[in-house]
Amino acid sequence: MFSTMEQALSLRHPPLALYYADDIPSGARSFKPFQPGQAGQGGWGCAMFLLAQAAKGEVVAFTRETCHCPGAAGGLGLGEAEEKQFPGGPEAFLRFLSSGNKHWETGRACGQKMLADGADREMVEEYLEGEGFKKTPELVLDYLKNLPRVEPEGPVVVVRPLAGLEAGLTPRVVILLADAERLSALVVLANFARPGLDNVKIPFGAGCQSIGLFPLFEAAQAQPRAVVGLTDISARLYLRKTLGRDLVSFALPWSFYQEMEANAADSFLSRQAWKKLRGEG
């Protein structure tokens, strides 16, 4: 049965629940444990690939051992990131997100070794050229130092359709996937029954941080905010074939989701402007 908010929004994909667990649920999709040096050799996977599977109705799970990207464990709320596992170590990771690894001897040597070990050539080129998400390695380090911290509540993070959640399980975060019009509605609804004008934020960060770390941190705040994500260029590139080009994530603590759902019926969602925008008026 659709909730009032779901029915009014006509979301393309079901709301997703994110929560901690002690074990990987039976039948859940997960990556194989990551092995150092494995990146680019056919076994590597971005956490956003599994998010797409959850959006299609599957149960997916993450552990520190199955997070292939060095930032994914931290991004999903499973503890500190694993930059030391990145080829060339933490400094190479800082350079990878910024100006690239071709400008120092260790980076060039790591790139050559990755090729010799069978890594994908395009990935090695990106490793050497850098992603250019920050201007300098120093700014990347500043960004990492300013990331919020959350204490993991279990060794496993599970993401699955909210409607399929077993009785007794309470999600920590709800993730909605929305196009521009539905994102507009979610931002308005998030501010509908609250004072102020910044009850939604769009922080710079990775796709996994926008559905995990950031909203998990917000859940511990007295006045939690919703988090717009999938603004990560790499994540969008990975997801365009499975989710399309037009969706972003809107992740929020469970309590805030319940608040928005309780207010949906009295809001603009039942008024003419929204109905006309949906083609009903």
C-alpha atoms as a PDB file:
ATOM      1  CA  MET A   1       0.000   0.000   0.000  1.00  0.00           C
ATOM      2  CA  PHE A   2       1.393   3.387  -1.028  1.00  0.00           C
ATOM      3  CA  SER A   3       1.838   6.098   1.572  1.00  0.00           C
ATOM      4  CA  THR A   4       0.238   9.505   1.029  1.00  0.00           C
ATOM      5  CA  MET A   5       3.568  10.983   0.018  1.00  0.00           C
ATOM      6  CA  GLU A   6       4.432   8.129  -2.363  1.00  0.00           C
ATOM      7  CA  GLN A   7       1.038   8.294  -4.018  1.00  0.00           C
ATOM      8  CA  ALA A   8       1.225  12.047  -4.503  1.00  0.00           C
ATOM      9  CA  LEU A   9       4.771  11.934  -5.852  1.00  0.00           C
ATOM     10  CA  SER A  10       4.401   8.838  -8.067  1.00  0.00           C
ATOM     11  CA  LEU A  11       8.033   7.932  -7.537  1.00  0.00           C
ATOM     12  CA  ARG A  12       9.646   5.814 -10.243  1.00  0.00           C
ATOM     13  CA  HIS A  13      11.423   3.675  -7.658  1.00  0.00           C
ATOM     14  CA  PRO A  14      10.244   2.644  -4.182  1.00  0.00           C
ATOM     15  CA  PRO A  15      11.540   4.379  -1.042  1.00  0.00           C
ATOM     16  CA  LEU A  16      14.534   2.515   0.338  1.00  0.00           C
ATOM     17  CA  ALA A  17      15.358   1.753   3.966  1.00  0.00           C
ATOM     18  CA  LEU A  18      18.936   1.835   5.236  1.00  0.00           C
ATOM     19  CA  TYR A  19      19.700   0.192   8.562  1.00  0.00           C
ATOM     20  CA  TYR A  20      22.425  -1.629  10.508  1.00  0.00           C
ATOM     21  CA  ALA A  21      22.428  -5.380  11.030  1.00  0.00           C
ATOM     22  CA  ASP A  22      24.598  -7.989  12.715  1.00  0.00           C
ATOM     23  CA  ASP A  23      24.694 -10.259   9.666  1.00  0.00           C
ATOM     24  CA  ILE A  24      24.127 -10.074   5.925  1.00  0.00           C
ATOM     25  CA  PRO A  25      20.474 -11.050   5.340  1.00  0.00           C
ATOM     26  CA  SER A  26      19.855 -14.341   3.588  1.00  0.00           C
ATOM     27  CA  GLY A  27      19.639 -13.806  -0.159  1.00  0.00           C
ATOM     28  CA  ALA A  28      21.037 -10.273  -0.026  1.00  0.00           C
ATOM     29  CA  ARG A  29      23.234  -9.111  -2.871  1.00  0.00           C
ATOM     30  CA  SER A  30      26.724  -8.027  -1.829  1.00  0.00           C
ATOM     31  CA  PHE A  31      30.191  -7.706  -3.315  1.00  0.00           C
ATOM     32  CA  LYS A  32      32.883 -10.294  -2.737  1.00  0.00           C
ATOM     33  CA  PRO A  33      35.454  -9.261  -0.098  1.00  0.00           C
ATOM     34  CA  PHE A  34      37.932  -6.797  -1.542  1.00  0.00           C
ATOM     35  CA  GLN A  35      41.562  -7.802  -1.985  1.00  0.00           C
ATOM     36  CA  PRO A  36      44.314  -5.120  -2.063  1.00  0.00           C
ATOM     37  CA  GLY A  37      45.427  -4.511  -5.634  1.00  0.00           C
ATOM     38  CA  GLN A  38      42.111  -5.760  -6.999  1.00  0.00           C
ATOM     39  CA  ALA A  39      40.828  -2.397  -8.263  1.00  0.00           C
ATOM     40  CA  GLY A  40      40.205  -2.334 -11.983  1.00  0.00           C
ATOM     41  CA  GLN A  41      40.650  -6.079 -12.473  1.00  0.00           C
ATOM     42  CA  GLY A  42      37.038  -7.105 -12.926  1.00  0.00           C
ATOM     43  CA  GLY A  43      36.161  -7.585  -9.268  1.00  0.00           C
ATOM     44  CA  TRP A  44      35.824  -3.951  -8.255  1.00  0.00           C
ATOM     45  CA  GLY A  45      32.445  -2.360  -7.649  1.00  0.00           C
ATOM     46  CA  CYS A  46      31.141   1.036  -6.566  1.00  0.00           C
ATOM     47  CA  ALA A  47      28.576   0.912  -3.757  1.00  0.00           C
ATOM     48  CA  MET A  48      26.189   2.808  -6.031  1.00  0.00           C
ATOM     49  CA  PHE A  49      25.876  -0.277  -8.247  1.00  0.00           C
ATOM     50  CA  LEU A  50      24.172  -2.010  -5.335  1.00  0.00           C
ATOM     51  CA  LEU A  51      22.000   1.025  -4.628  1.00  0.00           C
ATOM     52  CA  ALA A  52      20.624   0.621  -8.151  1.00  0.00           C
ATOM     53  CA  GLN A  53      19.802  -3.023  -7.426  1.00  0.00           C
ATOM     54  CA  ALA A  54      17.966  -2.023  -4.238  1.00  0.00           C
ATOM     55  CA  ALA A  55      15.968   0.517  -6.250  1.00  0.00           C
ATOM     56  CA  LYS A  56      14.890  -2.367  -8.487  1.00  0.00           C
ATOM     57  CA  GLY A  57      13.558  -4.308  -5.500  1.00  0.00           C
ATOM     58  CA  GLU A  58      16.521  -6.294  -4.183  1.00  0.00           C
ATOM     59  CA  VAL A  59      18.042  -6.482  -0.706  1.00  0.00           C
ATOM     60  CA  VAL A  60      21.691  -5.380  -0.727  1.00  0.00           C
ATOM     61  CA  ALA A  61      24.290  -5.360   2.041  1.00  0.00           C
ATOM     62  CA  PHE A  62      27.662  -3.784   2.754  1.00  0.00           C
ATOM     63  CA  THR A  63      30.454  -4.657   5.190  1.00  0.00           C
ATOM     64  CA  ARG A  64      33.902  -3.157   5.580  1.00  0.00           C
ATOM     65  CA  GLU A  65      35.343  -6.215   3.828  1.00  0.00           C
ATOM     66  CA  THR A  66      33.019  -5.877   0.836  1.00  0.00           C
ATOM     67  CA  CYS A  67      33.503  -2.133   0.317  1.00  0.00           C
ATOM     68  CA  HIS A  68      35.849  -1.977  -2.660  1.00  0.00           C
ATOM     69  CA  CYS A  69      36.281   1.792  -2.861  1.00  0.00           C
ATOM     70  CA  PRO A  70      38.609   3.093  -0.113  1.00  0.00           C
ATOM     71  CA  GLY A  71      36.043   5.699   0.910  1.00  0.00           C
ATOM     72  CA  ALA A  72      32.947   3.494   0.853  1.00  0.00           C
ATOM     73  CA  ALA A  73      33.174   2.063   4.368  1.00  0.00           C
ATOM     74  CA  GLY A  74      33.299   5.536   5.848  1.00  0.00           C
ATOM     75  CA  GLY A  75      30.722   6.799   3.381  1.00  0.00           C
ATOM     76  CA  LEU A  76      28.214   4.151   4.419  1.00  0.00           C
ATOM     77  CA  GLY A  77      28.684   4.689   8.160  1.00  0.00           C
ATOM     78  CA  LEU A  78      30.841   1.611   8.775  1.00  0.00           C
ATOM     79  CA  GLY A  79      33.760   3.411  10.399  1.00  0.00           C
ATOM     80  CA  GLU A  80      36.857   5.113   9.074  1.00  0.00           C
ATOM     81  CA  ALA A  81      37.663   5.057   5.359  1.00  0.00           C
ATOM     82  CA  GLU A  82      40.404   2.773   4.071  1.00  0.00           C
ATOM     83  CA  GLU A  83      42.594   5.202   2.110  1.00  0.00           C
ATOM     84  CA  LYS A  84      45.663   3.155   3.054  1.00  0.00           C
ATOM     85  CA  GLN A  85      44.397   0.375   0.757  1.00  0.00           C
ATOM     86  CA  PHE A  86      44.418   2.723  -2.225  1.00  0.00           C
ATOM     87  CA  PRO A  87      47.276   2.094  -4.698  1.00  0.00           C
ATOM     88  CA  GLY A  88      50.099   4.324  -3.485  1.00  0.00           C
ATOM     89  CA  GLY A  89      48.492   4.905  -0.087  1.00  0.00           C
ATOM     90  CA  PRO A  90      46.681   7.921   1.409  1.00  0.00           C
ATOM     91  CA  GLU A  91      48.744  10.530  -0.481  1.00  0.00           C
ATOM     92  CA  ALA A  92      47.876   8.904  -3.791  1.00  0.00           C
ATOM     93  CA  PHE A  93      44.202   8.990  -2.796  1.00  0.00           C
ATOM     94  CA  LEU A  94      44.410  12.742  -2.120  1.00  0.00           C
ATOM     95  CA  ARG A  95      46.057  13.252  -5.500  1.00  0.00           C
ATOM     96  CA  PHE A  96      43.543  10.989  -7.246  1.00  0.00           C
ATOM     97  CA  LEU A  97      40.621  13.180  -6.140  1.00  0.00           C
ATOM     98  CA  SER A  98      42.451  16.318  -7.220  1.00  0.00           C
ATOM     99  CA  SER A  99      45.461  16.903  -9.476  1.00  0.00           C
ATOM    100  CA  GLY A 100      46.392  13.310 -10.261  1.00  0.00           C
ATOM    101  CA  ASN A 101      49.262  10.922  -9.614  1.00  0.00           C
ATOM    102  CA  LYS A 102      51.330  11.484 -12.735  1.00  0.00           C
ATOM    103  CA  HIS A 103      53.262  14.324 -11.104  1.00  0.00           C
ATOM    104  CA  TRP A 104      55.185  12.242  -8.563  1.00  0.00           C
ATOM    105  CA  GLU A 105      57.376   9.185  -8.867  1.00  0.00           C
ATOM    106  CA  THR A 106      55.383   6.914  -6.545  1.00  0.00           C
ATOM    107  CA  GLY A 107      52.164   7.643  -8.400  1.00  0.00           C
ATOM    108  CA  ARG A 108      53.669   6.948 -11.802  1.00  0.00           C
ATOM    109  CA  ALA A 109      55.187   3.697 -10.547  1.00  0.00           C
ATOM    110  CA  CYS A 110      51.849   2.591  -9.079  1.00  0.00           C
ATOM    111  CA  GLY A 111      50.143   3.338 -12.359  1.00  0.00           C
ATOM    112  CA  GLN A 112      52.614   1.180 -14.243  1.00  0.00           C
ATOM    113  CA  LYS A 113      52.195  -1.640 -11.733  1.00  0.00           C
ATOM    114  CA  MET A 114      48.406  -1.465 -12.026  1.00  0.00           C
ATOM    115  CA  LEU A 115      48.701  -1.865 -15.808  1.00  0.00           C
ATOM    116  CA  ALA A 116      51.146  -4.751 -15.430  1.00  0.00           C
ATOM    117  CA  ASP A 117      48.737  -6.439 -12.999  1.00  0.00           C
ATOM    118  CA  GLY A 118      45.904  -6.249 -15.525  1.00  0.00           C
ATOM    119  CA  ALA A 119      43.995  -3.180 -14.345  1.00  0.00           C
ATOM    120  CA  ASP A 120      41.669  -1.454 -16.773  1.00  0.00           C
ATOM    121  CA  ARG A 121      43.633   1.092 -18.833  1.00  0.00           C
ATOM    122  CA  GLU A 122      40.939   3.765 -18.567  1.00  0.00           C
ATOM    123  CA  MET A 123      40.943   3.444 -14.779  1.00  0.00           C
ATOM    124  CA  VAL A 124      44.727   3.748 -14.663  1.00  0.00           C
ATOM    125  CA  GLU A 125      44.562   6.871 -16.831  1.00  0.00           C
ATOM    126  CA  GLU A 126      42.060   8.377 -14.410  1.00  0.00           C
ATOM    127  CA  TYR A 127      44.326   7.408 -11.504  1.00  0.00           C
ATOM    128  CA  LEU A 128      47.199   9.269 -13.145  1.00  0.00           C
ATOM    129  CA  GLU A 129      45.225  12.278 -14.405  1.00  0.00           C
ATOM    130  CA  GLY A 130      43.092  12.674 -11.279  1.00  0.00           C
ATOM    131  CA  GLU A 131      39.346  13.245 -10.989  1.00  0.00           C
ATOM    132  CA  GLY A 132      39.648  16.995 -10.497  1.00  0.00           C
ATOM    133  CA  PHE A 133      36.982  17.191  -7.804  1.00  0.00           C
ATOM    134  CA  LYS A 134      39.199  19.443  -5.674  1.00  0.00           C
ATOM    135  CA  LYS A 135      41.920  21.781  -6.910  1.00  0.00           C
ATOM    136  CA  THR A 136      44.726  20.485  -4.697  1.00  0.00           C
ATOM    137  CA  PRO A 137      45.501  17.466  -2.487  1.00  0.00           C
ATOM    138  CA  GLU A 138      45.516  19.849   0.459  1.00  0.00           C
ATOM    139  CA  LEU A 139      41.892  20.777  -0.196  1.00  0.00           C
ATOM    140  CA  VAL A 140      40.992  17.089  -0.384  1.00  0.00           C
ATOM    141  CA  LEU A 141      42.627  16.576   3.004  1.00  0.00           C
ATOM    142  CA  ASP A 142      40.657  19.501   4.418  1.00  0.00           C
ATOM    143  CA  TYR A 143      37.447  17.977   3.039  1.00  0.00           C
ATOM    144  CA  LEU A 144      38.227  14.608   4.627  1.00  0.00           C
ATOM    145  CA  LYS A 145      39.015  16.193   7.983  1.00  0.00           C
ATOM    146  CA  ASN A 146      35.677  18.016   7.970  1.00  0.00           C
ATOM    147  CA  LEU A 147      33.532  14.981   7.215  1.00  0.00           C
ATOM    148  CA  PRO A 148      31.056  14.177   9.999  1.00  0.00           C
ATOM    149  CA  ARG A 149      31.691  11.085  12.100  1.00  0.00           C
ATOM    150  CA  VAL A 150      29.154   8.457  13.094  1.00  0.00           C
ATOM    151  CA  GLU A 151      29.564   5.442  15.334  1.00  0.00           C
ATOM    152  CA  PRO A 152      28.585   2.228  13.509  1.00  0.00           C
ATOM    153  CA  GLU A 153      25.659   0.430  15.144  1.00  0.00           C
ATOM    154  CA  GLY A 154      26.548  -2.889  13.559  1.00  0.00           C
ATOM    155  CA  PRO A 155      28.999  -4.527  11.131  1.00  0.00           C
ATOM    156  CA  VAL A 156      26.524  -4.609   8.227  1.00  0.00           C
ATOM    157  CA  VAL A 157      24.594  -1.856   6.443  1.00  0.00           C
ATOM    158  CA  VAL A 158      21.507  -3.089   4.610  1.00  0.00           C
ATOM    159  CA  VAL A 159      19.555  -1.206   1.943  1.00  0.00           C
ATOM    160  CA  ARG A 160      16.210  -2.556   0.732  1.00  0.00           C
ATOM    161  CA  PRO A 161      12.751  -1.356  -0.299  1.00  0.00           C
ATOM    162  CA  LEU A 162      11.037   0.195   2.707  1.00  0.00           C
ATOM    163  CA  ALA A 163       7.770  -1.620   2.001  1.00  0.00           C
ATOM    164  CA  GLY A 164       9.466  -5.005   2.434  1.00  0.00           C
ATOM    165  CA  LEU A 165      10.947  -4.267   5.846  1.00  0.00           C
ATOM    166  CA  GLU A 166      10.126  -6.950   8.406  1.00  0.00           C
ATOM    167  CA  ALA A 167       8.071  -6.076  11.463  1.00  0.00           C
ATOM    168  CA  GLY A 168      10.267  -4.873  14.289  1.00  0.00           C
ATOM    169  CA  LEU A 169      12.954  -3.402  12.038  1.00  0.00           C
ATOM    170  CA  THR A 170      13.256   0.379  12.046  1.00  0.00           C
ATOM    171  CA  PRO A 171      15.309   2.084   9.335  1.00  0.00           C
ATOM    172  CA  ARG A 172      17.879   4.655  10.303  1.00  0.00           C
ATOM    173  CA  VAL A 173      17.583   6.411   6.936  1.00  0.00           C
ATOM    174  CA  VAL A 174      15.036   6.502   4.108  1.00  0.00           C
ATOM    175  CA  ILE A 175      16.340   7.085   0.584  1.00  0.00           C
ATOM    176  CA  LEU A 176      14.127   8.460  -2.179  1.00  0.00           C
ATOM    177  CA  LEU A 177      15.199   8.740  -5.824  1.00  0.00           C
ATOM    178  CA  ALA A 178      13.686  11.757  -7.535  1.00  0.00           C
ATOM    179  CA  ASP A 179      13.754  13.730 -10.763  1.00  0.00           C
ATOM    180  CA  ALA A 180      13.737  17.542 -10.772  1.00  0.00           C
ATOM    181  CA  GLU A 181       9.990  17.978 -10.225  1.00  0.00           C
ATOM    182  CA  ARG A 182       9.791  15.433  -7.419  1.00  0.00           C
ATOM    183  CA  LEU A 183      12.924  16.794  -5.803  1.00  0.00           C
ATOM    184  CA  SER A 184      11.267  20.211  -5.809  1.00  0.00           C
ATOM    185  CA  ALA A 185       8.255  18.712  -4.050  1.00  0.00           C
ATOM    186  CA  LEU A 186      10.407  16.950  -1.462  1.00  0.00           C
ATOM    187  CA  VAL A 187      12.331  20.134  -0.661  1.00  0.00           C
ATOM    188  CA  VAL A 188       9.090  22.084  -0.212  1.00  0.00           C
ATOM    189  CA  LEU A 189       7.516  19.348   1.912  1.00  0.00           C
ATOM    190  CA  ALA A 190      10.641  19.104   4.102  1.00  0.00           C
ATOM    191  CA  ASN A 191      10.201  22.798   4.934  1.00  0.00           C
ATOM    192  CA  PHE A 192       6.372  22.745   5.112  1.00  0.00           C
ATOM    193  CA  ALA A 193       5.926  22.240   8.862  1.00  0.00           C
ATOM    194  CA  ARG A 194       9.271  23.540  10.074  1.00  0.00           C
ATOM    195  CA  PRO A 195      10.675  26.993  10.785  1.00  0.00           C
ATOM    196  CA  GLY A 196      13.630  28.200   8.776  1.00  0.00           C
ATOM    197  CA  LEU A 197      14.583  27.672   5.161  1.00  0.00           C
ATOM    198  CA  ASP A 198      17.473  25.214   5.243  1.00  0.00           C
ATOM    199  CA  ASN A 199      15.901  21.939   6.302  1.00  0.00           C
ATOM    200  CA  VAL A 200      17.514  20.339   3.258  1.00  0.00           C
ATOM    201  CA  LYS A 201      21.219  20.448   2.451  1.00  0.00           C
ATOM    202  CA  ILE A 202      23.376  19.524  -0.553  1.00  0.00           C
ATOM    203  CA  PRO A 203      26.872  18.812   0.779  1.00  0.00           C
ATOM    204  CA  PHE A 204      29.846  18.100  -1.452  1.00  0.00           C
ATOM    205  CA  GLY A 205      30.645  14.415  -1.199  1.00  0.00           C
ATOM    206  CA  ALA A 206      30.527  10.937  -2.656  1.00  0.00           C
ATOM    207  CA  GLY A 207      27.334   9.147  -3.592  1.00  0.00           C
ATOM    208  CA  CYS A 208      27.677   6.732  -0.678  1.00  0.00           C
ATOM    209  CA  GLN A 209      28.167   9.595   1.782  1.00  0.00           C
ATOM    210  CA  SER A 210      24.956  11.249   0.608  1.00  0.00           C
ATOM    211  CA  ILE A 211      22.841   8.152   1.394  1.00  0.00           C
ATOM    212  CA  GLY A 212      24.792   6.936   4.424  1.00  0.00           C
ATOM    213  CA  LEU A 213      27.209   9.101   6.384  1.00  0.00           C
ATOM    214  CA  PHE A 214      25.487  12.487   5.989  1.00  0.00           C
ATOM    215  CA  PRO A 215      21.891  11.441   6.805  1.00  0.00           C
ATOM    216  CA  LEU A 216      23.132   9.103   9.567  1.00  0.00           C
ATOM    217  CA  PHE A 217      24.875  12.088  11.126  1.00  0.00           C
ATOM    218  CA  GLU A 218      21.711  14.169  10.737  1.00  0.00           C
ATOM    219  CA  ALA A 219      19.743  11.474  12.568  1.00  0.00           C
ATOM    220  CA  ALA A 220      21.683  12.297  15.736  1.00  0.00           C
ATOM    221  CA  GLN A 221      20.905  16.032  15.557  1.00  0.00           C
ATOM    222  CA  ALA A 222      18.117  17.800  17.426  1.00  0.00           C
ATOM    223  CA  GLN A 223      16.701  19.207  14.168  1.00  0.00           C
ATOM    224  CA  PRO A 224      17.837  16.776  11.464  1.00  0.00           C
ATOM    225  CA  ARG A 225      17.933  17.814   7.829  1.00  0.00           C
ATOM    226  CA  ALA A 226      17.406  15.894   4.616  1.00  0.00           C
ATOM    227  CA  VAL A 227      20.344  15.381   2.268  1.00  0.00           C
ATOM    228  CA  VAL A 228      20.250  15.713  -1.511  1.00  0.00           C
ATOM    229  CA  GLY A 229      22.867  13.511  -3.139  1.00  0.00           C
ATOM    230  CA  LEU A 230      24.056  11.655  -6.205  1.00  0.00           C
ATOM    231  CA  THR A 231      25.732  14.887  -7.223  1.00  0.00           C
ATOM    232  CA  ASP A 232      28.948  12.843  -7.325  1.00  0.00           C
ATOM    233  CA  ILE A 233      30.085  12.867 -10.981  1.00  0.00           C
ATOM    234  CA  SER A 234      31.566   9.358 -10.746  1.00  0.00           C
ATOM    235  CA  ALA A 235      28.420   7.942  -9.157  1.00  0.00           C
ATOM    236  CA  ARG A 236      26.264   9.494 -11.869  1.00  0.00           C
ATOM    237  CA  LEU A 237      28.499   7.964 -14.526  1.00  0.00           C
ATOM    238  CA  TYR A 238      28.184   4.521 -12.933  1.00  0.00           C
ATOM    239  CA  LEU A 239      24.407   4.754 -12.550  1.00  0.00           C
ATOM    240  CA  ARG A 240      23.314   6.266 -15.847  1.00  0.00           C
ATOM    241  CA  LYS A 241      22.717   2.889 -17.503  1.00  0.00           C
ATOM    242  CA  THR A 242      20.736   1.418 -14.596  1.00  0.00           C
ATOM    243  CA  LEU A 243      18.859   4.408 -13.157  1.00  0.00           C
ATOM    244  CA  GLY A 244      19.055   6.901 -16.002  1.00  0.00           C
ATOM    245  CA  ARG A 245      20.449  10.411 -16.156  1.00  0.00           C
ATOM    246  CA  ASP A 246      17.773  12.394 -14.343  1.00  0.00           C
ATOM    247  CA  LEU A 247      17.629  11.103 -10.752  1.00  0.00           C
ATOM    248  CA  VAL A 248      19.174  12.383  -7.550  1.00  0.00           C
ATOM    249  CA  SER A 249      18.865  10.975  -4.048  1.00  0.00           C
ATOM    250  CA  PHE A 250      16.944  12.531  -1.185  1.00  0.00           C
ATOM    251  CA  ALA A 251      17.982  10.813   2.044  1.00  0.00           C
ATOM    252  CA  LEU A 252      16.645  11.629   5.475  1.00  0.00           C
ATOM    253  CA  PRO A 253      16.457  10.157   8.977  1.00  0.00           C
ATOM    254  CA  TRP A 254      13.468   7.906   9.654  1.00  0.00           C
ATOM    255  CA  SER A 255      11.926  10.383  12.110  1.00  0.00           C
ATOM    256  CA  PHE A 256      12.014  13.141   9.497  1.00  0.00           C
ATOM    257  CA  TYR A 257      10.483  10.846   6.876  1.00  0.00           C
ATOM    258  CA  GLN A 258       7.621  10.077   9.260  1.00  0.00           C
ATOM    259  CA  GLU A 259       7.168  13.803   9.895  1.00  0.00           C
ATOM    260  CA  MET A 260       6.938  14.539   6.168  1.00  0.00           C
ATOM    261  CA  GLU A 261       4.523  11.664   5.630  1.00  0.00           C
ATOM    262  CA  ALA A 262       2.270  12.918   8.448  1.00  0.00           C
ATOM    263  CA  ASN A 263       2.135  16.377   6.875  1.00  0.00           C
ATOM    264  CA  ALA A 264       1.750  15.323   3.249  1.00  0.00           C
ATOM    265  CA  ALA A 265      -2.054  15.269   3.132  1.00  0.00           C
ATOM    266  CA  ASP A 266      -2.376  18.876   4.336  1.00  0.00           C
ATOM    267  CA  SER A 267       0.348  20.232   2.090  1.00  0.00           C
ATOM    268  CA  PHE A 268       0.571  21.542  -1.479  1.00  0.00           C
ATOM    269  CA  LEU A 269       0.548  17.920  -2.686  1.00  0.00           C
ATOM    270  CA  SER A 270      -3.271  18.055  -2.686  1.00  0.00           C
ATOM    271  CA  ARG A 271      -3.434  21.524  -4.297  1.00  0.00           C
ATOM    272  CA  GLN A 272      -3.867  22.592  -7.912  1.00  0.00           C
ATOM    273  CA  ALA A 273      -0.289  23.676  -8.688  1.00  0.00           C
ATOM    274  CA  TRP A 274       1.148  20.236  -7.975  1.00  0.00           C
ATOM    275  CA  LYS A 275      -1.698  18.465  -9.760  1.00  0.00           C
ATOM    276  CA  LYS A 276      -1.208  20.648 -12.830  1.00  0.00           C
ATOM    277  CA  LEU A 277       2.534  19.992 -12.749  1.00  0.00           C
ATOM    278  CA  ARG A 278       1.749  16.277 -12.755  1.00  0.00           C
ATOM    279  CA  GLY A 279      -0.679  16.758 -15.626  1.00  0.00           C
ATOM    280  CA  GLU A 280      -3.811  16.113 -13.565  1.00  0.00           C
ATOM    281  CA  GLY A 281      -5.288  19.596 -13.524  1.00  0.00           C
END
